[in-house]
PDB file of N, CA and C in Angstrom:
ATOM      1  N   UNK A   1     -24.419  44.186  17.269  1.00  0.00           N
ATOM      2  CA  UNK A   1     -23.639  43.594  16.199  1.00  0.00           C
ATOM      3  C   UNK A   1     -23.412  44.613  15.088  1.00  0.00           C
ATOM      4  N   UNK A   2     -24.350  45.535  14.919  1.00  0.00           N
ATOM      5  CA  UNK A   2     -24.236  46.522  13.852  1.00  0.00           C
ATOM      6  C   UNK A   2     -23.009  47.406  14.005  1.00  0.00           C
ATOM      7  N   UNK A   3     -22.604  47.682  15.255  1.00  0.00           N
ATOM      8  CA  UNK A   3     -21.420  48.514  15.464  1.00  0.00           C
ATOM      9  C   UNK A   3     -20.170  47.848  14.904  1.00  0.00           C
ATOM     10  N   UNK A   4     -20.180  46.521  14.824  1.00  0.00           N
ATOM     11  CA  UNK A   4     -19.035  45.804  14.284  1.00  0.00           C
ATOM     12  C   UNK A   4     -19.052  45.745  12.763  1.00  0.00           C
ATOM     13  N   UNK A   5     -20.204  45.621  12.184  1.00  0.00           N
ATOM     14  CA  UNK A   5     -20.270  45.408  10.743  1.00  0.00           C
ATOM     15  C   UNK A   5     -20.365  46.693   9.931  1.00  0.00           C
ATOM     16  N   UNK A   6     -20.564  47.822  10.589  1.00  0.00           N
ATOM     17  CA  UNK A   6     -20.814  49.065   9.859  1.00  0.00           C
ATOM     18  C   UNK A   6     -19.556  49.772   9.362  1.00  0.00           C
ATOM     19  N   UNK A   7     -18.371  49.341   9.778  1.00  0.00           N
ATOM     20  CA  UNK A   7     -17.144  50.022   9.337  1.00  0.00           C
ATOM     21  C   UNK A   7     -15.985  49.027   9.272  1.00  0.00           C
ATOM     22  N   UNK A   8     -14.940  49.372   8.526  1.00  0.00           N
ATOM     23  CA  UNK A   8     -13.766  48.494   8.478  1.00  0.00           C
ATOM     24  C   UNK A   8     -13.137  48.272   9.853  1.00  0.00           C
ATOM     25  N   UNK A   9     -13.102  49.305  10.685  1.00  0.00           N
ATOM     26  CA  UNK A   9     -12.557  49.163  12.043  1.00  0.00           C
ATOM     27  C   UNK A   9     -13.433  48.216  12.855  1.00  0.00           C
ATOM     28  N   UNK A  10     -14.725  48.338  12.712  1.00  0.00           N
ATOM     29  CA  UNK A  10     -15.648  47.454  13.420  1.00  0.00           C
ATOM     30  C   UNK A  10     -15.460  46.006  13.013  1.00  0.00           C
ATOM     31  N   UNK A  11     -15.285  45.770  11.717  1.00  0.00           N
ATOM     32  CA  UNK A  11     -15.054  44.401  11.256  1.00  0.00           C
ATOM     33  C   UNK A  11     -13.718  43.872  11.760  1.00  0.00           C
ATOM     34  N   UNK A  12     -12.712  44.733  11.844  1.00  0.00           N
ATOM     35  CA  UNK A  12     -11.421  44.325  12.401  1.00  0.00           C
ATOM     36  C   UNK A  12     -11.574  43.979  13.881  1.00  0.00           C
ATOM     37  N   UNK A  13     -12.373  44.755  14.602  1.00  0.00           N
ATOM     38  CA  UNK A  13     -12.624  44.462  16.008  1.00  0.00           C
ATOM     39  C   UNK A  13     -13.335  43.119  16.170  1.00  0.00           C
ATOM     40  N   UNK A  14     -14.287  42.846  15.292  1.00  0.00           N
ATOM     41  CA  UNK A  14     -14.988  41.568  15.339  1.00  0.00           C
ATOM     42  C   UNK A  14     -14.016  40.415  15.085  1.00  0.00           C
ATOM     43  N   UNK A  15     -13.140  40.579  14.109  1.00  0.00           N
ATOM     44  CA  UNK A  15     -12.128  39.554  13.841  1.00  0.00           C
ATOM     45  C   UNK A  15     -11.212  39.357  15.044  1.00  0.00           C
ATOM     46  N   UNK A  16     -10.860  40.454  15.716  1.00  0.00           N
ATOM     47  CA  UNK A  16     -10.011  40.354  16.911  1.00  0.00           C
ATOM     48  C   UNK A  16     -10.702  39.516  17.983  1.00  0.00           C
ATOM     49  N   UNK A  17     -11.987  39.756  18.186  1.00  0.00           N
ATOM     50  CA  UNK A  17     -12.731  38.995  19.191  1.00  0.00           C
ATOM     51  C   UNK A  17     -12.871  37.524  18.796  1.00  0.00           C
ATOM     52  N   UNK A  18     -13.124  37.271  17.522  1.00  0.00           N
ATOM     53  CA  UNK A  18     -13.245  35.882  17.062  1.00  0.00           C
ATOM     54  C   UNK A  18     -11.919  35.149  17.173  1.00  0.00           C
ATOM     55  N   UNK A  19     -10.832  35.813  16.772  1.00  0.00           N
ATOM     56  CA  UNK A  19      -9.510  35.187  16.840  1.00  0.00           C
ATOM     57  C   UNK A  19      -9.134  34.896  18.292  1.00  0.00           C
ATOM     58  N   UNK A  20      -9.357  35.844  19.169  1.00  0.00           N
ATOM     59  CA  UNK A  20      -9.059  35.645  20.583  1.00  0.00           C
ATOM     60  C   UNK A  20      -9.921  34.559  21.212  1.00  0.00           C
ATOM     61  N   UNK A  21     -11.184  34.525  20.833  1.00  0.00           N
ATOM     62  CA  UNK A  21     -12.094  33.499  21.357  1.00  0.00           C
ATOM     63  C   UNK A  21     -11.710  32.107  20.869  1.00  0.00           C
ATOM     64  N   UNK A  22     -11.298  32.016  19.605  1.00  0.00           N
ATOM     65  CA  UNK A  22     -10.886  30.714  19.086  1.00  0.00           C
ATOM     66  C   UNK A  22      -9.639  30.214  19.814  1.00  0.00           C
ATOM     67  N   UNK A  23      -8.747  31.134  20.185  1.00  0.00           N
ATOM     68  CA  UNK A  23      -7.564  30.739  20.944  1.00  0.00           C
ATOM     69  C   UNK A  23      -7.950  30.271  22.350  1.00  0.00           C
ATOM     70  N   UNK A  24      -8.888  30.971  22.975  1.00  0.00           N
ATOM     71  CA  UNK A  24      -9.375  30.539  24.290  1.00  0.00           C
ATOM     72  C   UNK A  24      -9.937  29.120  24.221  1.00  0.00           C
ATOM     73  N   UNK A  25     -10.765  28.870  23.220  1.00  0.00           N
ATOM     74  CA  UNK A  25     -11.347  27.548  23.055  1.00  0.00           C
ATOM     75  C   UNK A  25     -10.261  26.503  22.823  1.00  0.00           C
ATOM     76  N   UNK A  26      -9.300  26.850  21.981  1.00  0.00           N
ATOM     77  CA  UNK A  26      -8.219  25.924  21.663  1.00  0.00           C
ATOM     78  C   UNK A  26      -7.394  25.591  22.904  1.00  0.00           C
ATOM     79  N   UNK A  27      -6.976  26.604  23.643  1.00  0.00           N
ATOM     80  CA  UNK A  27      -6.076  26.414  24.779  1.00  0.00           C
ATOM     81  C   UNK A  27      -6.771  25.771  25.984  1.00  0.00           C
ATOM     82  N   UNK A  28      -7.989  26.195  26.260  1.00  0.00           N
ATOM     83  CA  UNK A  28      -8.625  25.740  27.495  1.00  0.00           C
ATOM     84  C   UNK A  28      -9.598  24.570  27.318  1.00  0.00           C
ATOM     85  N   UNK A  29      -9.967  24.250  26.090  1.00  0.00           N
ATOM     86  CA  UNK A  29     -10.881  23.124  25.890  1.00  0.00           C
ATOM     87  C   UNK A  29     -10.262  22.061  24.987  1.00  0.00           C
ATOM     88  N   UNK A  30      -9.891  22.438  23.773  1.00  0.00           N
ATOM     89  CA  UNK A  30      -9.439  21.449  22.792  1.00  0.00           C
ATOM     90  C   UNK A  30      -8.117  20.786  23.173  1.00  0.00           C
ATOM     91  N   UNK A  31      -7.146  21.570  23.611  1.00  0.00           N
ATOM     92  CA  UNK A  31      -5.841  20.989  23.965  1.00  0.00           C
ATOM     93  C   UNK A  31      -5.936  20.088  25.198  1.00  0.00           C
ATOM     94  N   UNK A  32      -6.631  20.509  26.267  1.00  0.00           N
ATOM     95  CA  UNK A  32      -6.777  19.569  27.385  1.00  0.00           C
ATOM     96  C   UNK A  32      -7.506  18.271  26.993  1.00  0.00           C
ATOM     97  N   UNK A  33      -8.536  18.397  26.147  1.00  0.00           N
ATOM     98  CA  UNK A  33      -9.215  17.182  25.685  1.00  0.00           C
ATOM     99  C   UNK A  33      -8.251  16.261  24.956  1.00  0.00           C
ATOM    100  N   UNK A  34      -7.395  16.851  24.155  1.00  0.00           N
ATOM    101  CA  UNK A  34      -6.450  16.053  23.360  1.00  0.00           C
ATOM    102  C   UNK A  34      -5.414  15.362  24.249  1.00  0.00           C
ATOM    103  N   UNK A  35      -4.818  16.105  25.163  1.00  0.00           N
ATOM    104  CA  UNK A  35      -3.693  15.556  25.918  1.00  0.00           C
ATOM    105  C   UNK A  35      -4.074  14.881  27.234  1.00  0.00           C
ATOM    106  N   UNK A  36      -5.196  15.241  27.812  1.00  0.00           N
ATOM    107  CA  UNK A  36      -5.597  14.610  29.069  1.00  0.00           C
ATOM    108  C   UNK A  36      -6.508  13.407  28.863  1.00  0.00           C
ATOM    109  N   UNK A  37      -7.367  13.489  27.841  1.00  0.00           N
ATOM    110  CA  UNK A  37      -8.338  12.416  27.631  1.00  0.00           C
ATOM    111  C   UNK A  37      -8.218  11.763  26.254  1.00  0.00           C
ATOM    112  N   UNK A  38      -7.170  12.089  25.541  1.00  0.00           N
ATOM    113  CA  UNK A  38      -6.902  11.478  24.236  1.00  0.00           C
ATOM    114  C   UNK A  38      -8.081  11.637  23.263  1.00  0.00           C
ATOM    115  N   UNK A  39      -8.630  12.867  23.234  1.00  0.00           N
ATOM    116  CA  UNK A  39      -9.715  13.189  22.299  1.00  0.00           C
ATOM    117  C   UNK A  39      -9.206  14.316  21.392  1.00  0.00           C
ATOM    118  N   UNK A  40      -8.610  13.987  20.238  1.00  0.00           N
ATOM    119  CA  UNK A  40      -7.969  14.998  19.395  1.00  0.00           C
ATOM    120  C   UNK A  40      -8.925  15.755  18.469  1.00  0.00           C
ATOM    121  N   UNK A  41     -10.174  15.361  18.396  1.00  0.00           N
ATOM    122  CA  UNK A  41     -11.094  15.971  17.432  1.00  0.00           C
ATOM    123  C   UNK A  41     -11.278  17.480  17.630  1.00  0.00           C
ATOM    124  N   UNK A  42     -11.283  17.935  18.874  1.00  0.00           N
ATOM    125  CA  UNK A  42     -11.434  19.371  19.125  1.00  0.00           C
ATOM    126  C   UNK A  42     -10.299  20.173  18.528  1.00  0.00           C
ATOM    127  N   UNK A  43      -9.077  19.713  18.734  1.00  0.00           N
ATOM    128  CA  UNK A  43      -7.911  20.401  18.173  1.00  0.00           C
ATOM    129  C   UNK A  43      -7.895  20.315  16.657  1.00  0.00           C
ATOM    130  N   UNK A  44      -8.294  19.171  16.139  1.00  0.00           N
ATOM    131  CA  UNK A  44      -8.318  18.998  14.687  1.00  0.00           C
ATOM    132  C   UNK A  44      -9.343  19.914  14.040  1.00  0.00           C
ATOM    133  N   UNK A  45     -10.401  20.216  14.750  1.00  0.00           N
ATOM    134  CA  UNK A  45     -11.449  21.080  14.215  1.00  0.00           C
ATOM    135  C   UNK A  45     -11.125  22.557  14.419  1.00  0.00           C
ATOM    136  N   UNK A  46     -10.804  22.952  15.647  1.00  0.00           N
ATOM    137  CA  UNK A  46     -10.634  24.380  15.958  1.00  0.00           C
ATOM    138  C   UNK A  46      -9.264  24.912  15.543  1.00  0.00           C
ATOM    139  N   UNK A  47      -8.251  24.047  15.470  1.00  0.00           N
ATOM    140  CA  UNK A  47      -6.914  24.497  15.091  1.00  0.00           C
ATOM    141  C   UNK A  47      -6.880  25.210  13.745  1.00  0.00           C
ATOM    142  N   UNK A  48      -7.393  24.592  12.685  1.00  0.00           N
ATOM    143  CA  UNK A  48      -7.411  25.271  11.387  1.00  0.00           C
ATOM    144  C   UNK A  48      -8.295  26.526  11.367  1.00  0.00           C
ATOM    145  N   UNK A  49      -9.385  26.490  12.126  1.00  0.00           N
ATOM    146  CA  UNK A  49     -10.253  27.678  12.192  1.00  0.00           C
ATOM    147  C   UNK A  49      -9.496  28.829  12.843  1.00  0.00           C
ATOM    148  N   UNK A  50      -8.808  28.532  13.940  1.00  0.00           N
ATOM    149  CA  UNK A  50      -8.010  29.568  14.605  1.00  0.00           C
ATOM    150  C   UNK A  50      -6.913  30.098  13.668  1.00  0.00           C
ATOM    151  N   UNK A  51      -6.249  29.209  12.955  1.00  0.00           N
ATOM    152  CA  UNK A  51      -5.216  29.630  12.008  1.00  0.00           C
ATOM    153  C   UNK A  51      -5.771  30.532  10.922  1.00  0.00           C
ATOM    154  N   UNK A  52      -6.930  30.189  10.399  1.00  0.00           N
ATOM    155  CA  UNK A  52      -7.560  31.010   9.361  1.00  0.00           C
ATOM    156  C   UNK A  52      -7.964  32.377   9.913  1.00  0.00           C
ATOM    157  N   UNK A  53      -8.514  32.396  11.128  1.00  0.00           N
ATOM    158  CA  UNK A  53      -8.889  33.674  11.747  1.00  0.00           C
ATOM    159  C   UNK A  53      -7.660  34.541  12.015  1.00  0.00           C
ATOM    160  N   UNK A  54      -6.572  33.920  12.431  1.00  0.00           N
ATOM    161  CA  UNK A  54      -5.323  34.649  12.651  1.00  0.00           C
ATOM    162  C   UNK A  54      -4.846  35.308  11.353  1.00  0.00           C
ATOM    163  N   UNK A  55      -4.790  34.530  10.283  1.00  0.00           N
ATOM    164  CA  UNK A  55      -4.345  35.083   9.003  1.00  0.00           C
ATOM    165  C   UNK A  55      -5.293  36.169   8.495  1.00  0.00           C
ATOM    166  N   UNK A  56      -6.581  35.960   8.656  1.00  0.00           N
ATOM    167  CA  UNK A  56      -7.562  36.958   8.243  1.00  0.00           C
ATOM    168  C   UNK A  56      -7.406  38.236   9.051  1.00  0.00           C
ATOM    169  N   UNK A  57      -7.112  38.108  10.335  1.00  0.00           N
ATOM    170  CA  UNK A  57      -6.898  39.290  11.177  1.00  0.00           C
ATOM    171  C   UNK A  57      -5.674  40.068  10.710  1.00  0.00           C
ATOM    172  N   UNK A  58      -4.581  39.380  10.411  1.00  0.00           N
ATOM    173  CA  UNK A  58      -3.365  40.053   9.949  1.00  0.00           C
ATOM    174  C   UNK A  58      -3.631  40.767   8.626  1.00  0.00           C
ATOM    175  N   UNK A  59      -4.259  40.073   7.685  1.00  0.00           N
ATOM    176  CA  UNK A  59      -4.538  40.695   6.388  1.00  0.00           C
ATOM    177  C   UNK A  59      -5.502  41.870   6.523  1.00  0.00           C
ATOM    178  N   UNK A  60      -6.502  41.727   7.364  1.00  0.00           N
ATOM    179  CA  UNK A  60      -7.456  42.811   7.578  1.00  0.00           C
ATOM    180  C   UNK A  60      -6.802  44.008   8.259  1.00  0.00           C
ATOM    181  N   UNK A  61      -5.891  43.734   9.175  1.00  0.00           N
ATOM    182  CA  UNK A  61      -5.153  44.828   9.824  1.00  0.00           C
ATOM    183  C   UNK A  61      -4.389  45.633   8.787  1.00  0.00           C
ATOM    184  N   UNK A  62      -3.689  44.947   7.919  1.00  0.00           N
ATOM    185  CA  UNK A  62      -2.923  45.645   6.875  1.00  0.00           C
ATOM    186  C   UNK A  62      -3.845  46.399   5.926  1.00  0.00           C
ATOM    187  N   UNK A  63      -4.974  45.807   5.576  1.00  0.00           N
ATOM    188  CA  UNK A  63      -5.927  46.460   4.685  1.00  0.00           C
ATOM    189  C   UNK A  63      -6.495  47.730   5.320  1.00  0.00           C
ATOM    190  N   UNK A  64      -6.926  47.634   6.571  1.00  0.00           N
ATOM    191  CA  UNK A  64      -7.477  48.800   7.277  1.00  0.00           C
ATOM    192  C   UNK A  64      -6.392  49.856   7.472  1.00  0.00           C
ATOM    193  N   UNK A  65      -5.185  49.420   7.775  1.00  0.00           N
ATOM    194  CA  UNK A  65      -4.085  50.366   7.975  1.00  0.00           C
ATOM    195  C   UNK A  65      -3.836  51.187   6.713  1.00  0.00           C
ATOM    196  N   UNK A  66      -3.898  50.543   5.568  1.00  0.00           N
ATOM    197  CA  UNK A  66      -3.704  51.266   4.309  1.00  0.00           C
ATOM    198  C   UNK A  66      -4.870  52.211   4.054  1.00  0.00           C
ATOM    199  N   UNK A  67      -6.098  51.722   4.231  1.00  0.00           N
ATOM    200  CA  UNK A  67      -7.289  52.550   4.015  1.00  0.00           C
ATOM    201  C   UNK A  67      -7.331  53.758   4.945  1.00  0.00           C
ATOM    202  N   UNK A  68      -6.938  53.552   6.193  1.00  0.00           N
ATOM    203  CA  UNK A  68      -7.028  54.605   7.210  1.00  0.00           C
ATOM    204  C   UNK A  68      -5.758  55.443   7.321  1.00  0.00           C
ATOM    205  N   UNK A  69      -4.744  55.084   6.550  1.00  0.00           N
ATOM    206  CA  UNK A  69      -3.441  55.777   6.581  1.00  0.00           C
ATOM    207  C   UNK A  69      -2.837  55.781   7.984  1.00  0.00           C
ATOM    208  N   UNK A  70      -2.874  54.613   8.628  1.00  0.00           N
ATOM    209  CA  UNK A  70      -2.262  54.498   9.938  1.00  0.00           C
ATOM    210  C   UNK A  70      -0.750  54.615   9.817  1.00  0.00           C
ATOM    211  N   UNK A  71      -0.150  55.194  10.810  1.00  0.00           N
ATOM    212  CA  UNK A  71       1.304  55.268  10.861  1.00  0.00           C
ATOM    213  C   UNK A  71       1.833  53.983  11.507  1.00  0.00           C
ATOM    214  N   UNK A  72       2.874  53.418  10.892  1.00  0.00           N
ATOM    215  CA  UNK A  72       3.422  52.158  11.380  1.00  0.00           C
ATOM    216  C   UNK A  72       3.887  52.288  12.818  1.00  0.00           C
ATOM    217  N   UNK A  73       4.584  53.392  13.118  1.00  0.00           N
ATOM    218  CA  UNK A  73       5.165  53.551  14.457  1.00  0.00           C
ATOM    219  C   UNK A  73       4.132  53.834  15.540  1.00  0.00           C
ATOM    220  N   UNK A  74       2.926  54.226  15.152  1.00  0.00           N
ATOM    221  CA  UNK A  74       1.923  54.552  16.163  1.00  0.00           C
ATOM    222  C   UNK A  74       0.898  53.447  16.380  1.00  0.00           C
ATOM    223  N   UNK A  75       0.471  52.771  15.313  1.00  0.00           N
ATOM    224  CA  UNK A  75      -0.630  51.825  15.457  1.00  0.00           C
ATOM    225  C   UNK A  75      -0.310  50.448  14.887  1.00  0.00           C
ATOM    226  N   UNK A  76       0.141  50.378  13.656  1.00  0.00           N
ATOM    227  CA  UNK A  76       0.239  49.102  12.942  1.00  0.00           C
ATOM    228  C   UNK A  76       1.066  48.081  13.709  1.00  0.00           C
ATOM    229  N   UNK A  77       2.250  48.432  14.137  1.00  0.00           N
ATOM    230  CA  UNK A  77       3.117  47.450  14.796  1.00  0.00           C
ATOM    231  C   UNK A  77       2.488  46.940  16.085  1.00  0.00           C
ATOM    232  N   UNK A  78       1.777  47.809  16.802  1.00  0.00           N
ATOM    233  CA  UNK A  78       1.146  47.381  18.056  1.00  0.00           C
ATOM    234  C   UNK A  78       0.067  46.331  17.798  1.00  0.00           C
ATOM    235  N   UNK A  79      -0.745  46.574  16.767  1.00  0.00           N
ATOM    236  CA  UNK A  79      -1.825  45.641  16.451  1.00  0.00           C
ATOM    237  C   UNK A  79      -1.244  44.309  15.970  1.00  0.00           C
ATOM    238  N   UNK A  80      -0.227  44.364  15.128  1.00  0.00           N
ATOM    239  CA  UNK A  80       0.364  43.124  14.607  1.00  0.00           C
ATOM    240  C   UNK A  80       1.104  42.337  15.683  1.00  0.00           C
ATOM    241  N   UNK A  81       1.795  43.014  16.567  1.00  0.00           N
ATOM    242  CA  UNK A  81       2.474  42.321  17.669  1.00  0.00           C
ATOM    243  C   UNK A  81       1.442  41.695  18.615  1.00  0.00           C
ATOM    244  N   UNK A  82       0.371  42.434  18.874  1.00  0.00           N
ATOM    245  CA  UNK A  82      -0.660  41.924  19.799  1.00  0.00           C
ATOM    246  C   UNK A  82      -1.285  40.629  19.303  1.00  0.00           C
ATOM    247  N   UNK A  83      -1.379  40.468  17.992  1.00  0.00           N
ATOM    248  CA  UNK A  83      -2.047  39.259  17.498  1.00  0.00           C
ATOM    249  C   UNK A  83      -1.159  38.025  17.595  1.00  0.00           C
ATOM    250  N   UNK A  84       0.129  38.187  17.850  1.00  0.00           N
ATOM    251  CA  UNK A  84       0.968  36.998  18.040  1.00  0.00           C
ATOM    252  C   UNK A  84       1.211  36.699  19.522  1.00  0.00           C
ATOM    253  N   UNK A  85       0.776  37.592  20.389  1.00  0.00           N
ATOM    254  CA  UNK A  85       0.844  37.369  21.832  1.00  0.00           C
ATOM    255  C   UNK A  85      -0.494  36.753  22.251  1.00  0.00           C
ATOM    256  N   UNK A  86      -0.476  35.649  22.948  1.00  0.00           N
ATOM    257  CA  UNK A  86      -1.748  35.038  23.342  1.00  0.00           C
ATOM    258  C   UNK A  86      -2.687  36.030  24.027  1.00  0.00           C
ATOM    259  N   UNK A  87      -3.876  36.094  23.520  1.00  0.00           N
ATOM    260  CA  UNK A  87      -4.959  36.947  24.021  1.00  0.00           C
ATOM    261  C   UNK A  87      -4.683  38.438  23.836  1.00  0.00           C
ATOM    262  N   UNK A  88      -3.682  38.769  23.047  1.00  0.00           N
ATOM    263  CA  UNK A  88      -3.360  40.170  22.773  1.00  0.00           C
ATOM    264  C   UNK A  88      -4.428  40.876  21.967  1.00  0.00           C
ATOM    265  N   UNK A  89      -5.207  40.120  21.191  1.00  0.00           N
ATOM    266  CA  UNK A  89      -6.249  40.780  20.395  1.00  0.00           C
ATOM    267  C   UNK A  89      -7.324  41.396  21.282  1.00  0.00           C
ATOM    268  N   UNK A  90      -7.590  40.790  22.444  1.00  0.00           N
ATOM    269  CA  UNK A  90      -8.557  41.384  23.371  1.00  0.00           C
ATOM    270  C   UNK A  90      -8.022  42.717  23.899  1.00  0.00           C
ATOM    271  N   UNK A  91      -6.749  42.727  24.240  1.00  0.00           N
ATOM    272  CA  UNK A  91      -6.111  43.938  24.761  1.00  0.00           C
ATOM    273  C   UNK A  91      -6.105  45.041  23.706  1.00  0.00           C
ATOM    274  N   UNK A  92      -5.698  44.699  22.500  1.00  0.00           N
ATOM    275  CA  UNK A  92      -5.567  45.700  21.447  1.00  0.00           C
ATOM    276  C   UNK A  92      -6.941  46.231  21.040  1.00  0.00           C
ATOM    277  N   UNK A  93      -7.949  45.379  21.104  1.00  0.00           N
ATOM    278  CA  UNK A  93      -9.308  45.839  20.816  1.00  0.00           C
ATOM    279  C   UNK A  93      -9.729  46.892  21.836  1.00  0.00           C
ATOM    280  N   UNK A  94      -9.459  46.600  23.096  1.00  0.00           N
ATOM    281  CA  UNK A  94      -9.871  47.507  24.171  1.00  0.00           C
ATOM    282  C   UNK A  94      -9.066  48.808  24.187  1.00  0.00           C
ATOM    283  N   UNK A  95      -7.752  48.704  23.985  1.00  0.00           N
ATOM    284  CA  UNK A  95      -6.878  49.875  24.127  1.00  0.00           C
ATOM    285  C   UNK A  95      -6.762  50.741  22.871  1.00  0.00           C
ATOM    286  N   UNK A  96      -6.878  50.142  21.682  1.00  0.00           N
ATOM    287  CA  UNK A  96      -6.635  50.919  20.461  1.00  0.00           C
ATOM    288  C   UNK A  96      -7.844  50.941  19.528  1.00  0.00           C
ATOM    289  N   UNK A  97      -8.317  49.768  19.121  1.00  0.00           N
ATOM    290  CA  UNK A  97      -9.337  49.711  18.073  1.00  0.00           C
ATOM    291  C   UNK A  97     -10.659  50.333  18.491  1.00  0.00           C
ATOM    292  N   UNK A  98     -11.072  50.129  19.727  1.00  0.00           N
ATOM    293  CA  UNK A  98     -12.323  50.708  20.226  1.00  0.00           C
ATOM    294  C   UNK A  98     -12.259  52.235  20.189  1.00  0.00           C
ATOM    295  N   UNK A  99     -11.127  52.789  20.585  1.00  0.00           N
ATOM    296  CA  UNK A  99     -10.961  54.250  20.582  1.00  0.00           C
ATOM    297  C   UNK A  99     -10.964  54.806  19.164  1.00  0.00           C
ATOM    298  N   UNK A 100     -10.317  54.109  18.248  1.00  0.00           N
ATOM    299  CA  UNK A 100     -10.282  54.553  16.853  1.00  0.00           C
ATOM    300  C   UNK A 100     -11.698  54.538  16.288  1.00  0.00           C
ATOM    301  N   UNK A 101     -12.467  53.496  16.594  1.00  0.00           N
ATOM    302  CA  UNK A 101     -13.828  53.417  16.082  1.00  0.00           C
ATOM    303  C   UNK A 101     -14.687  54.530  16.657  1.00  0.00           C
ATOM    304  N   UNK A 102     -14.526  54.865  17.932  1.00  0.00           N
ATOM    305  CA  UNK A 102     -15.288  55.958  18.529  1.00  0.00           C
ATOM    306  C   UNK A 102     -14.962  57.289  17.869  1.00  0.00           C
ATOM    307  N   UNK A 103     -13.668  57.537  17.630  1.00  0.00           N
ATOM    308  CA  UNK A 103     -13.248  58.760  16.963  1.00  0.00           C
ATOM    309  C   UNK A 103     -13.801  58.825  15.548  1.00  0.00           C
ATOM    310  N   UNK A 104     -13.807  57.688  14.872  1.00  0.00           N
ATOM    311  CA  UNK A 104     -14.310  57.610  13.506  1.00  0.00           C
ATOM    312  C   UNK A 104     -15.799  57.904  13.457  1.00  0.00           C
ATOM    313  N   UNK A 105     -16.557  57.445  14.445  1.00  0.00           N
ATOM    314  CA  UNK A 105     -18.007  57.651  14.442  1.00  0.00           C
ATOM    315  C   UNK A 105     -18.380  59.087  14.765  1.00  0.00           C
ATOM    316  N   UNK A 106     -17.496  59.836  15.404  1.00  0.00           N
ATOM    317  CA  UNK A 106     -17.746  61.231  15.711  1.00  0.00           C
ATOM    318  C   UNK A 106     -17.675  62.108  14.463  1.00  0.00           C
ATOM    319  N   UNK A 107     -16.873  61.671  13.499  1.00  0.00           N
ATOM    320  CA  UNK A 107     -16.667  62.474  12.287  1.00  0.00           C
ATOM    321  C   UNK A 107     -17.818  62.392  11.353  1.00  0.00           C
TER     322      UNK A 107
END
């Protein structure tokens, strides 16, 4: 857990995992409960949490991008687009954010 909390990139990676996990829970558990068994409480609970995590991820991406002087054409747009594609945060964490954090820890 320390690798996530020790740097801004690590915290962004943690947010990516939380946002992606909340979407998994929403899509595969809460929505089926709501529409198949008429139990809306899961969606009512996790929906706002997922929305808050999504907004926090977007704001954190912009904050880290400014702090790290990321170039829009190289990194920022990819991370922001990935967060609106279902499960894109898992992909972007693996392909971009993990590598940036490794490079950062070498310095």
